[in-house]
């Protein structure tokens, strides 16, 4: 995944609050993954328009952290979700 790639949630994948567990989750076909606060912030920015670099820059501003610290973590998280089929990526 490059910084110019645009990650997005494919059809059939969505986020929601699980009232029973009282946690945010990402739901896919026959999959449920619990999201922490940062995971929710990352997934919440997957609008199909913003590039990975733009998402990382936005999160760096929100969390008042250097983008060069944020970007590798965001990339690794989204690559993991991509490998699980929960995120798709298209070139910018």
PDB file of N, CA and C in Angstrom:
ATOM      1  N   UNK A   1       0.859  -1.164   0.000  1.00  0.00           N
ATOM      2  CA  UNK A   1       0.000   0.000   0.000  1.00  0.00           C
ATOM      3  C   UNK A   1       0.908   1.231   0.000  1.00  0.00           C
ATOM      4  N   UNK A   2       0.651   2.150  -0.937  1.00  0.00           N
ATOM      5  CA  UNK A   2       1.445   3.379  -1.000  1.00  0.00           C
ATOM      6  C   UNK A   2       0.657   4.531  -0.390  1.00  0.00           C
ATOM      7  N   UNK A   3       1.357   5.608  -0.116  1.00  0.00           N
ATOM      8  CA  UNK A   3       0.712   6.772   0.495  1.00  0.00           C
ATOM      9  C   UNK A   3      -0.296   7.436  -0.446  1.00  0.00           C
ATOM     10  N   UNK A   4      -0.197   7.162  -1.745  1.00  0.00           N
ATOM     11  CA  UNK A   4      -1.149   7.723  -2.709  1.00  0.00           C
ATOM     12  C   UNK A   4      -2.403   6.872  -2.871  1.00  0.00           C
ATOM     13  N   UNK A   5      -2.373   5.638  -2.392  1.00  0.00           N
ATOM     14  CA  UNK A   5      -3.531   4.754  -2.513  1.00  0.00           C
ATOM     15  C   UNK A   5      -4.713   5.287  -1.708  1.00  0.00           C
ATOM     16  N   UNK A   6      -5.907   4.958  -2.177  1.00  0.00           N
ATOM     17  CA  UNK A   6      -7.149   5.390  -1.525  1.00  0.00           C
ATOM     18  C   UNK A   6      -7.843   4.158  -0.937  1.00  0.00           C
ATOM     19  N   UNK A   7      -7.781   3.999   0.382  1.00  0.00           N
ATOM     20  CA  UNK A   7      -8.464   2.869   1.017  1.00  0.00           C
ATOM     21  C   UNK A   7      -9.948   3.180   1.212  1.00  0.00           C
ATOM     22  N   UNK A   8     -10.774   2.146   1.136  1.00  0.00           N
ATOM     23  CA  UNK A   8     -12.212   2.336   1.337  1.00  0.00           C
ATOM     24  C   UNK A   8     -12.834   1.038   1.828  1.00  0.00           C
ATOM     25  N   UNK A   9     -14.013   1.162   2.424  1.00  0.00           N
ATOM     26  CA  UNK A   9     -14.751  -0.011   2.881  1.00  0.00           C
ATOM     27  C   UNK A   9     -15.529  -0.577   1.700  1.00  0.00           C
ATOM     28  N   UNK A  10     -15.334  -1.840   1.384  1.00  0.00           N
ATOM     29  CA  UNK A  10     -16.069  -2.429   0.267  1.00  0.00           C
ATOM     30  C   UNK A  10     -17.533  -2.674   0.626  1.00  0.00           C
ATOM     31  N   UNK A  11     -18.323  -2.960  -0.376  1.00  0.00           N
ATOM     32  CA  UNK A  11     -19.728  -3.292  -0.163  1.00  0.00           C
ATOM     33  C   UNK A  11     -19.818  -4.453   0.831  1.00  0.00           C
ATOM     34  N   UNK A  12     -20.727  -4.334   1.760  1.00  0.00           N
ATOM     35  CA  UNK A  12     -20.927  -5.389   2.746  1.00  0.00           C
ATOM     36  C   UNK A  12     -20.112  -5.230   4.016  1.00  0.00           C
ATOM     37  N   UNK A  13     -19.257  -4.212   4.064  1.00  0.00           N
ATOM     38  CA  UNK A  13     -18.460  -3.948   5.263  1.00  0.00           C
ATOM     39  C   UNK A  13     -18.895  -2.602   5.828  1.00  0.00           C
ATOM     40  N   UNK A  14     -19.110  -2.570   7.142  1.00  0.00           N
ATOM     41  CA  UNK A  14     -19.553  -1.322   7.777  1.00  0.00           C
ATOM     42  C   UNK A  14     -19.112  -1.306   9.229  1.00  0.00           C
ATOM     43  N   UNK A  15     -19.213  -0.151   9.821  1.00  0.00           N
ATOM     44  CA  UNK A  15     -18.929  -0.021  11.249  1.00  0.00           C
ATOM     45  C   UNK A  15     -20.232   0.214  11.988  1.00  0.00           C
ATOM     46  N   UNK A  16     -20.240  -0.197  13.236  1.00  0.00           N
ATOM     47  CA  UNK A  16     -21.397   0.089  14.078  1.00  0.00           C
ATOM     48  C   UNK A  16     -21.001  -0.086  15.535  1.00  0.00           C
ATOM     49  N   UNK A  17     -21.839   0.428  16.418  1.00  0.00           N
ATOM     50  CA  UNK A  17     -21.646   0.253  17.850  1.00  0.00           C
ATOM     51  C   UNK A  17     -22.373  -1.014  18.265  1.00  0.00           C
ATOM     52  N   UNK A  18     -21.664  -1.930  18.893  1.00  0.00           N
ATOM     53  CA  UNK A  18     -22.247  -3.172  19.395  1.00  0.00           C
ATOM     54  C   UNK A  18     -22.737  -2.900  20.810  1.00  0.00           C
ATOM     55  N   UNK A  19     -24.043  -2.758  20.950  1.00  0.00           N
ATOM     56  CA  UNK A  19     -24.632  -2.395  22.241  1.00  0.00           C
ATOM     57  C   UNK A  19     -24.446  -3.479  23.296  1.00  0.00           C
ATOM     58  N   UNK A  20     -24.399  -4.728  22.884  1.00  0.00           N
ATOM     59  CA  UNK A  20     -24.223  -5.824  23.843  1.00  0.00           C
ATOM     60  C   UNK A  20     -22.824  -5.770  24.454  1.00  0.00           C
ATOM     61  N   UNK A  21     -21.825  -5.618  23.598  1.00  0.00           N
ATOM     62  CA  UNK A  21     -20.433  -5.571  24.075  1.00  0.00           C
ATOM     63  C   UNK A  21     -19.999  -4.171  24.483  1.00  0.00           C
ATOM     64  N   UNK A  22     -20.790  -3.171  24.083  1.00  0.00           N
ATOM     65  CA  UNK A  22     -20.480  -1.763  24.336  1.00  0.00           C
ATOM     66  C   UNK A  22     -19.127  -1.356  23.725  1.00  0.00           C
ATOM     67  N   UNK A  23     -18.938  -1.762  22.471  1.00  0.00           N
ATOM     68  CA  UNK A  23     -17.722  -1.435  21.724  1.00  0.00           C
ATOM     69  C   UNK A  23     -18.080  -1.130  20.273  1.00  0.00           C
ATOM     70  N   UNK A  24     -17.204  -0.384  19.614  1.00  0.00           N
ATOM     71  CA  UNK A  24     -17.348  -0.164  18.179  1.00  0.00           C
ATOM     72  C   UNK A  24     -16.727  -1.344  17.449  1.00  0.00           C
ATOM     73  N   UNK A  25     -17.374  -1.765  16.369  1.00  0.00           N
ATOM     74  CA  UNK A  25     -16.893  -2.899  15.594  1.00  0.00           C
ATOM     75  C   UNK A  25     -16.930  -2.572  14.108  1.00  0.00           C
ATOM     76  N   UNK A  26     -16.150  -3.318  13.353  1.00  0.00           N
ATOM     77  CA  UNK A  26     -16.246  -3.296  11.901  1.00  0.00           C
ATOM     78  C   UNK A  26     -16.785  -4.668  11.514  1.00  0.00           C
ATOM     79  N   UNK A  27     -17.858  -4.648  10.738  1.00  0.00           N
ATOM     80  CA  UNK A  27     -18.550  -5.877  10.354  1.00  0.00           C
ATOM     81  C   UNK A  27     -18.310  -6.160   8.879  1.00  0.00           C
ATOM     82  N   UNK A  28     -17.958  -7.394   8.597  1.00  0.00           N
ATOM     83  CA  UNK A  28     -17.813  -7.848   7.224  1.00  0.00           C
ATOM     84  C   UNK A  28     -18.532  -9.170   7.088  1.00  0.00           C
ATOM     85  N   UNK A  29     -18.548  -9.717   5.896  1.00  0.00           N
ATOM     86  CA  UNK A  29     -19.181 -11.018   5.725  1.00  0.00           C
ATOM     87  C   UNK A  29     -18.566 -12.055   6.671  1.00  0.00           C
ATOM     88  N   UNK A  30     -19.368 -12.498   7.613  1.00  0.00           N
ATOM     89  CA  UNK A  30     -18.968 -13.509   8.592  1.00  0.00           C
ATOM     90  C   UNK A  30     -17.748 -13.113   9.421  1.00  0.00           C
ATOM     91  N   UNK A  31     -17.550 -11.814   9.636  1.00  0.00           N
ATOM     92  CA  UNK A  31     -16.433 -11.320  10.444  1.00  0.00           C
ATOM     93  C   UNK A  31     -16.879 -10.139  11.286  1.00  0.00           C
ATOM     94  N   UNK A  32     -16.331 -10.079  12.479  1.00  0.00           N
ATOM     95  CA  UNK A  32     -16.523  -8.931  13.359  1.00  0.00           C
ATOM     96  C   UNK A  32     -15.181  -8.643  14.011  1.00  0.00           C
ATOM     97  N   UNK A  33     -14.719  -7.406  13.905  1.00  0.00           N
ATOM     98  CA  UNK A  33     -13.487  -6.993  14.562  1.00  0.00           C
ATOM     99  C   UNK A  33     -13.791  -5.810  15.470  1.00  0.00           C
ATOM    100  N   UNK A  34     -13.314  -5.879  16.690  1.00  0.00           N
ATOM    101  CA  UNK A  34     -13.506  -4.788  17.646  1.00  0.00           C
ATOM    102  C   UNK A  34     -12.529  -3.667  17.301  1.00  0.00           C
ATOM    103  N   UNK A  35     -13.035  -2.431  17.310  1.00  0.00           N
ATOM    104  CA  UNK A  35     -12.209  -1.261  17.035  1.00  0.00           C
ATOM    105  C   UNK A  35     -11.966  -0.487  18.325  1.00  0.00           C
ATOM    106  N   UNK A  36     -10.721  -0.114  18.562  1.00  0.00           N
ATOM    107  CA  UNK A  36     -10.455   0.799  19.666  1.00  0.00           C
ATOM    108  C   UNK A  36     -10.692   2.221  19.155  1.00  0.00           C
ATOM    109  N   UNK A  37     -10.429   3.210  19.984  1.00  0.00           N
ATOM    110  CA  UNK A  37     -10.706   4.601  19.620  1.00  0.00           C
ATOM    111  C   UNK A  37      -9.921   5.022  18.377  1.00  0.00           C
ATOM    112  N   UNK A  38      -8.663   4.632  18.304  1.00  0.00           N
ATOM    113  CA  UNK A  38      -7.839   5.010  17.153  1.00  0.00           C
ATOM    114  C   UNK A  38      -8.282   4.256  15.904  1.00  0.00           C
ATOM    115  N   UNK A  39      -8.582   2.971  16.044  1.00  0.00           N
ATOM    116  CA  UNK A  39      -9.082   2.197  14.912  1.00  0.00           C
ATOM    117  C   UNK A  39     -10.358   2.791  14.349  1.00  0.00           C
ATOM    118  N   UNK A  40     -11.245   3.216  15.244  1.00  0.00           N
ATOM    119  CA  UNK A  40     -12.488   3.855  14.807  1.00  0.00           C
ATOM    120  C   UNK A  40     -12.182   5.157  14.069  1.00  0.00           C
ATOM    121  N   UNK A  41     -11.206   5.921  14.568  1.00  0.00           N
ATOM    122  CA  UNK A  41     -10.835   7.181  13.920  1.00  0.00           C
ATOM    123  C   UNK A  41     -10.280   6.935  12.521  1.00  0.00           C
ATOM    124  N   UNK A  42      -9.475   5.897  12.365  1.00  0.00           N
ATOM    125  CA  UNK A  42      -8.906   5.576  11.051  1.00  0.00           C
ATOM    126  C   UNK A  42     -10.011   5.129  10.102  1.00  0.00           C
ATOM    127  N   UNK A  43     -10.789   4.143  10.507  1.00  0.00           N
ATOM    128  CA  UNK A  43     -11.841   3.596   9.644  1.00  0.00           C
ATOM    129  C   UNK A  43     -12.883   4.667   9.314  1.00  0.00           C
ATOM    130  N   UNK A  44     -13.136   5.557  10.240  1.00  0.00           N
ATOM    131  CA  UNK A  44     -14.099   6.630  10.006  1.00  0.00           C
ATOM    132  C   UNK A  44     -13.687   7.603   8.920  1.00  0.00           C
ATOM    133  N   UNK A  45     -12.421   7.577   8.544  1.00  0.00           N
ATOM    134  CA  UNK A  45     -11.923   8.475   7.496  1.00  0.00           C
ATOM    135  C   UNK A  45     -11.844   7.801   6.125  1.00  0.00           C
ATOM    136  N   UNK A  46     -12.296   6.582   6.032  1.00  0.00           N
ATOM    137  CA  UNK A  46     -12.250   5.856   4.757  1.00  0.00           C
ATOM    138  C   UNK A  46     -13.470   6.226   3.923  1.00  0.00           C
ATOM    139  N   UNK A  47     -13.360   7.352   3.238  1.00  0.00           N
ATOM    140  CA  UNK A  47     -14.486   7.864   2.457  1.00  0.00           C
ATOM    141  C   UNK A  47     -14.386   7.530   0.970  1.00  0.00           C
ATOM    142  N   UNK A  48     -13.324   6.821   0.575  1.00  0.00           N
ATOM    143  CA  UNK A  48     -13.152   6.488  -0.834  1.00  0.00           C
ATOM    144  C   UNK A  48     -12.582   7.617  -1.658  1.00  0.00           C
ATOM    145  N   UNK A  49     -12.253   8.733  -1.006  1.00  0.00           N
ATOM    146  CA  UNK A  49     -11.687   9.896  -1.687  1.00  0.00           C
ATOM    147  C   UNK A  49     -10.298  10.218  -1.137  1.00  0.00           C
ATOM    148  N   UNK A  50     -10.155  10.176   0.178  1.00  0.00           N
ATOM    149  CA  UNK A  50      -8.898  10.547   0.833  1.00  0.00           C
ATOM    150  C   UNK A  50      -7.838   9.467   0.630  1.00  0.00           C
ATOM    151  N   UNK A  51      -6.634   9.916   0.311  1.00  0.00           N
ATOM    152  CA  UNK A  51      -5.508   8.990   0.171  1.00  0.00           C
ATOM    153  C   UNK A  51      -4.993   8.600   1.552  1.00  0.00           C
ATOM    154  N   UNK A  52      -4.180   7.580   1.574  1.00  0.00           N
ATOM    155  CA  UNK A  52      -3.560   7.151   2.824  1.00  0.00           C
ATOM    156  C   UNK A  52      -2.759   8.298   3.440  1.00  0.00           C
ATOM    157  N   UNK A  53      -2.046   9.058   2.623  1.00  0.00           N
ATOM    158  CA  UNK A  53      -1.275  10.202   3.118  1.00  0.00           C
ATOM    159  C   UNK A  53      -2.193  11.253   3.738  1.00  0.00           C
ATOM    160  N   UNK A  54      -3.328  11.520   3.107  1.00  0.00           N
ATOM    161  CA  UNK A  54      -4.272  12.514   3.637  1.00  0.00           C
ATOM    162  C   UNK A  54      -4.891  12.046   4.949  1.00  0.00           C
ATOM    163  N   UNK A  55      -5.209  10.774   5.035  1.00  0.00           N
ATOM    164  CA  UNK A  55      -5.769  10.218   6.271  1.00  0.00           C
ATOM    165  C   UNK A  55      -4.745  10.332   7.393  1.00  0.00           C
ATOM    166  N   UNK A  56      -3.508   9.966   7.117  1.00  0.00           N
ATOM    167  CA  UNK A  56      -2.449  10.044   8.126  1.00  0.00           C
ATOM    168  C   UNK A  56      -2.213  11.485   8.571  1.00  0.00           C
ATOM    169  N   UNK A  57      -2.202  12.416   7.625  1.00  0.00           N
ATOM    170  CA  UNK A  57      -1.997  13.826   7.963  1.00  0.00           C
ATOM    171  C   UNK A  57      -3.134  14.354   8.828  1.00  0.00           C
ATOM    172  N   UNK A  58      -4.357  13.973   8.503  1.00  0.00           N
ATOM    173  CA  UNK A  58      -5.514  14.403   9.290  1.00  0.00           C
ATOM    174  C   UNK A  58      -5.426  13.863  10.716  1.00  0.00           C
ATOM    175  N   UNK A  59      -5.093  12.586  10.849  1.00  0.00           N
ATOM    176  CA  UNK A  59      -4.980  11.989  12.180  1.00  0.00           C
ATOM    177  C   UNK A  59      -3.820  12.593  12.967  1.00  0.00           C
ATOM    178  N   UNK A  60      -2.731  12.917  12.299  1.00  0.00           N
ATOM    179  CA  UNK A  60      -1.598  13.556  12.973  1.00  0.00           C
ATOM    180  C   UNK A  60      -2.015  14.898  13.558  1.00  0.00           C
ATOM    181  N   UNK A  61      -2.841  15.622  12.822  1.00  0.00           N
ATOM    182  CA  UNK A  61      -3.326  16.910  13.317  1.00  0.00           C
ATOM    183  C   UNK A  61      -4.279  16.709  14.494  1.00  0.00           C
ATOM    184  N   UNK A  62      -5.197  15.769  14.381  1.00  0.00           N
ATOM    185  CA  UNK A  62      -6.174  15.510  15.445  1.00  0.00           C
ATOM    186  C   UNK A  62      -5.483  15.080  16.733  1.00  0.00           C
ATOM    187  N   UNK A  63      -4.506  14.198  16.613  1.00  0.00           N
ATOM    188  CA  UNK A  63      -3.828  13.655  17.794  1.00  0.00           C
ATOM    189  C   UNK A  63      -2.551  14.413  18.153  1.00  0.00           C
ATOM    190  N   UNK A  64      -2.291  15.521  17.447  1.00  0.00           N
ATOM    191  CA  UNK A  64      -1.130  16.365  17.714  1.00  0.00           C
ATOM    192  C   UNK A  64       0.152  15.524  17.787  1.00  0.00           C
ATOM    193  N   UNK A  65       0.356  14.746  16.738  1.00  0.00           N
ATOM    194  CA  UNK A  65       1.521  13.862  16.659  1.00  0.00           C
ATOM    195  C   UNK A  65       2.179  14.035  15.291  1.00  0.00           C
ATOM    196  N   UNK A  66       3.474  13.772  15.198  1.00  0.00           N
ATOM    197  CA  UNK A  66       4.154  13.888  13.905  1.00  0.00           C
ATOM    198  C   UNK A  66       3.609  12.869  12.898  1.00  0.00           C
ATOM    199  N   UNK A  67       3.400  13.315  11.686  1.00  0.00           N
ATOM    200  CA  UNK A  67       2.852  12.434  10.654  1.00  0.00           C
ATOM    201  C   UNK A  67       3.784  11.255  10.389  1.00  0.00           C
ATOM    202  N   UNK A  68       5.091  11.459  10.545  1.00  0.00           N
ATOM    203  CA  UNK A  68       6.018  10.349  10.304  1.00  0.00           C
ATOM    204  C   UNK A  68       5.938   9.280  11.393  1.00  0.00           C
ATOM    205  N   UNK A  69       5.299   9.587  12.505  1.00  0.00           N
ATOM    206  CA  UNK A  69       5.037   8.595  13.549  1.00  0.00           C
ATOM    207  C   UNK A  69       3.689   7.915  13.298  1.00  0.00           C
ATOM    208  N   UNK A  70       2.712   8.701  12.879  1.00  0.00           N
ATOM    209  CA  UNK A  70       1.347   8.210  12.652  1.00  0.00           C
ATOM    210  C   UNK A  70       1.257   7.334  11.397  1.00  0.00           C
ATOM    211  N   UNK A  71       1.861   7.772  10.309  1.00  0.00           N
ATOM    212  CA  UNK A  71       1.689   7.113   9.007  1.00  0.00           C
ATOM    213  C   UNK A  71       2.034   5.623   9.011  1.00  0.00           C
ATOM    214  N   UNK A  72       3.149   5.191   9.600  1.00  0.00           N
ATOM    215  CA  UNK A  72       3.437   3.747   9.578  1.00  0.00           C
ATOM    216  C   UNK A  72       2.388   2.917  10.326  1.00  0.00           C
ATOM    217  N   UNK A  73       1.869   3.452  11.429  1.00  0.00           N
ATOM    218  CA  UNK A  73       0.841   2.726  12.185  1.00  0.00           C
ATOM    219  C   UNK A  73      -0.463   2.644  11.405  1.00  0.00           C
ATOM    220  N   UNK A  74      -0.849   3.749  10.772  1.00  0.00           N
ATOM    221  CA  UNK A  74      -2.076   3.766   9.971  1.00  0.00           C
ATOM    222  C   UNK A  74      -1.934   2.795   8.799  1.00  0.00           C
ATOM    223  N   UNK A  75      -0.792   2.830   8.147  1.00  0.00           N
ATOM    224  CA  UNK A  75      -0.549   1.932   7.018  1.00  0.00           C
ATOM    225  C   UNK A  75      -0.623   0.470   7.449  1.00  0.00           C
ATOM    226  N   UNK A  76       0.040   0.129   8.545  1.00  0.00           N
ATOM    227  CA  UNK A  76       0.037  -1.259   9.024  1.00  0.00           C
ATOM    228  C   UNK A  76      -1.374  -1.714   9.390  1.00  0.00           C
ATOM    229  N   UNK A  77      -2.136  -0.846  10.047  1.00  0.00           N
ATOM    230  CA  UNK A  77      -3.510  -1.172  10.437  1.00  0.00           C
ATOM    231  C   UNK A  77      -4.369  -1.428   9.204  1.00  0.00           C
ATOM    232  N   UNK A  78      -4.281  -0.536   8.213  1.00  0.00           N
ATOM    233  CA  UNK A  78      -5.103  -0.688   7.012  1.00  0.00           C
ATOM    234  C   UNK A  78      -4.643  -1.864   6.154  1.00  0.00           C
ATOM    235  N   UNK A  79      -3.353  -2.151   6.136  1.00  0.00           N
ATOM    236  CA  UNK A  79      -2.879  -3.334   5.412  1.00  0.00           C
ATOM    237  C   UNK A  79      -3.420  -4.607   6.056  1.00  0.00           C
ATOM    238  N   UNK A  80      -3.479  -4.627   7.377  1.00  0.00           N
ATOM    239  CA  UNK A  80      -4.051  -5.783   8.068  1.00  0.00           C
ATOM    240  C   UNK A  80      -5.531  -5.943   7.715  1.00  0.00           C
ATOM    241  N   UNK A  81      -6.272  -4.836   7.731  1.00  0.00           N
ATOM    242  CA  UNK A  81      -7.692  -4.902   7.358  1.00  0.00           C
ATOM    243  C   UNK A  81      -7.850  -5.310   5.894  1.00  0.00           C
ATOM    244  N   UNK A  82      -6.967  -4.825   5.041  1.00  0.00           N
ATOM    245  CA  UNK A  82      -7.003  -5.223   3.625  1.00  0.00           C
ATOM    246  C   UNK A  82      -6.770  -6.727   3.487  1.00  0.00           C
ATOM    247  N   UNK A  83      -5.787  -7.238   4.208  1.00  0.00           N
ATOM    248  CA  UNK A  83      -5.481  -8.671   4.141  1.00  0.00           C
ATOM    249  C   UNK A  83      -6.638  -9.525   4.649  1.00  0.00           C
ATOM    250  N   UNK A  84      -7.463  -8.965   5.517  1.00  0.00           N
ATOM    251  CA  UNK A  84      -8.634  -9.676   6.047  1.00  0.00           C
ATOM    252  C   UNK A  84      -9.875  -9.472   5.171  1.00  0.00           C
ATOM    253  N   UNK A  85      -9.736  -8.671   4.099  1.00  0.00           N
ATOM    254  CA  UNK A  85     -10.859  -8.418   3.202  1.00  0.00           C
ATOM    255  C   UNK A  85     -11.825  -7.362   3.700  1.00  0.00           C
ATOM    256  N   UNK A  86     -11.427  -6.611   4.724  1.00  0.00           N
ATOM    257  CA  UNK A  86     -12.311  -5.604   5.319  1.00  0.00           C
ATOM    258  C   UNK A  86     -12.108  -4.213   4.712  1.00  0.00           C
ATOM    259  N   UNK A  87     -11.020  -4.029   3.974  1.00  0.00           N
ATOM    260  CA  UNK A  87     -10.713  -2.763   3.315  1.00  0.00           C
ATOM    261  C   UNK A  87     -10.224  -3.088   1.912  1.00  0.00           C
ATOM    262  N   UNK A  88     -10.655  -2.297   0.951  1.00  0.00           N
ATOM    263  CA  UNK A  88     -10.128  -2.379  -0.410  1.00  0.00           C
ATOM    264  C   UNK A  88      -9.322  -1.117  -0.667  1.00  0.00           C
ATOM    265  N   UNK A  89      -8.459  -1.179  -1.671  1.00  0.00           N
ATOM    266  CA  UNK A  89      -7.581  -0.054  -1.988  1.00  0.00           C
ATOM    267  C   UNK A  89      -7.588   0.152  -3.488  1.00  0.00           C
ATOM    268  N   UNK A  90      -7.644   1.413  -3.881  1.00  0.00           N
ATOM    269  CA  UNK A  90      -7.496   1.710  -5.307  1.00  0.00           C
ATOM    270  C   UNK A  90      -6.418   2.779  -5.465  1.00  0.00           C
ATOM    271  N   UNK A  91      -5.702   2.732  -6.574  1.00  0.00           N
ATOM    272  CA  UNK A  91      -4.664   3.749  -6.803  1.00  0.00           C
ATOM    273  C   UNK A  91      -5.294   5.129  -6.911  1.00  0.00           C
ATOM    274  N   UNK A  92      -4.572   6.129  -6.499  1.00  0.00           N
ATOM    275  CA  UNK A  92      -5.053   7.522  -6.555  1.00  0.00           C
ATOM    276  C   UNK A  92      -5.009   8.002  -7.984  1.00  0.00           C
TER     277      UNK A  92
END
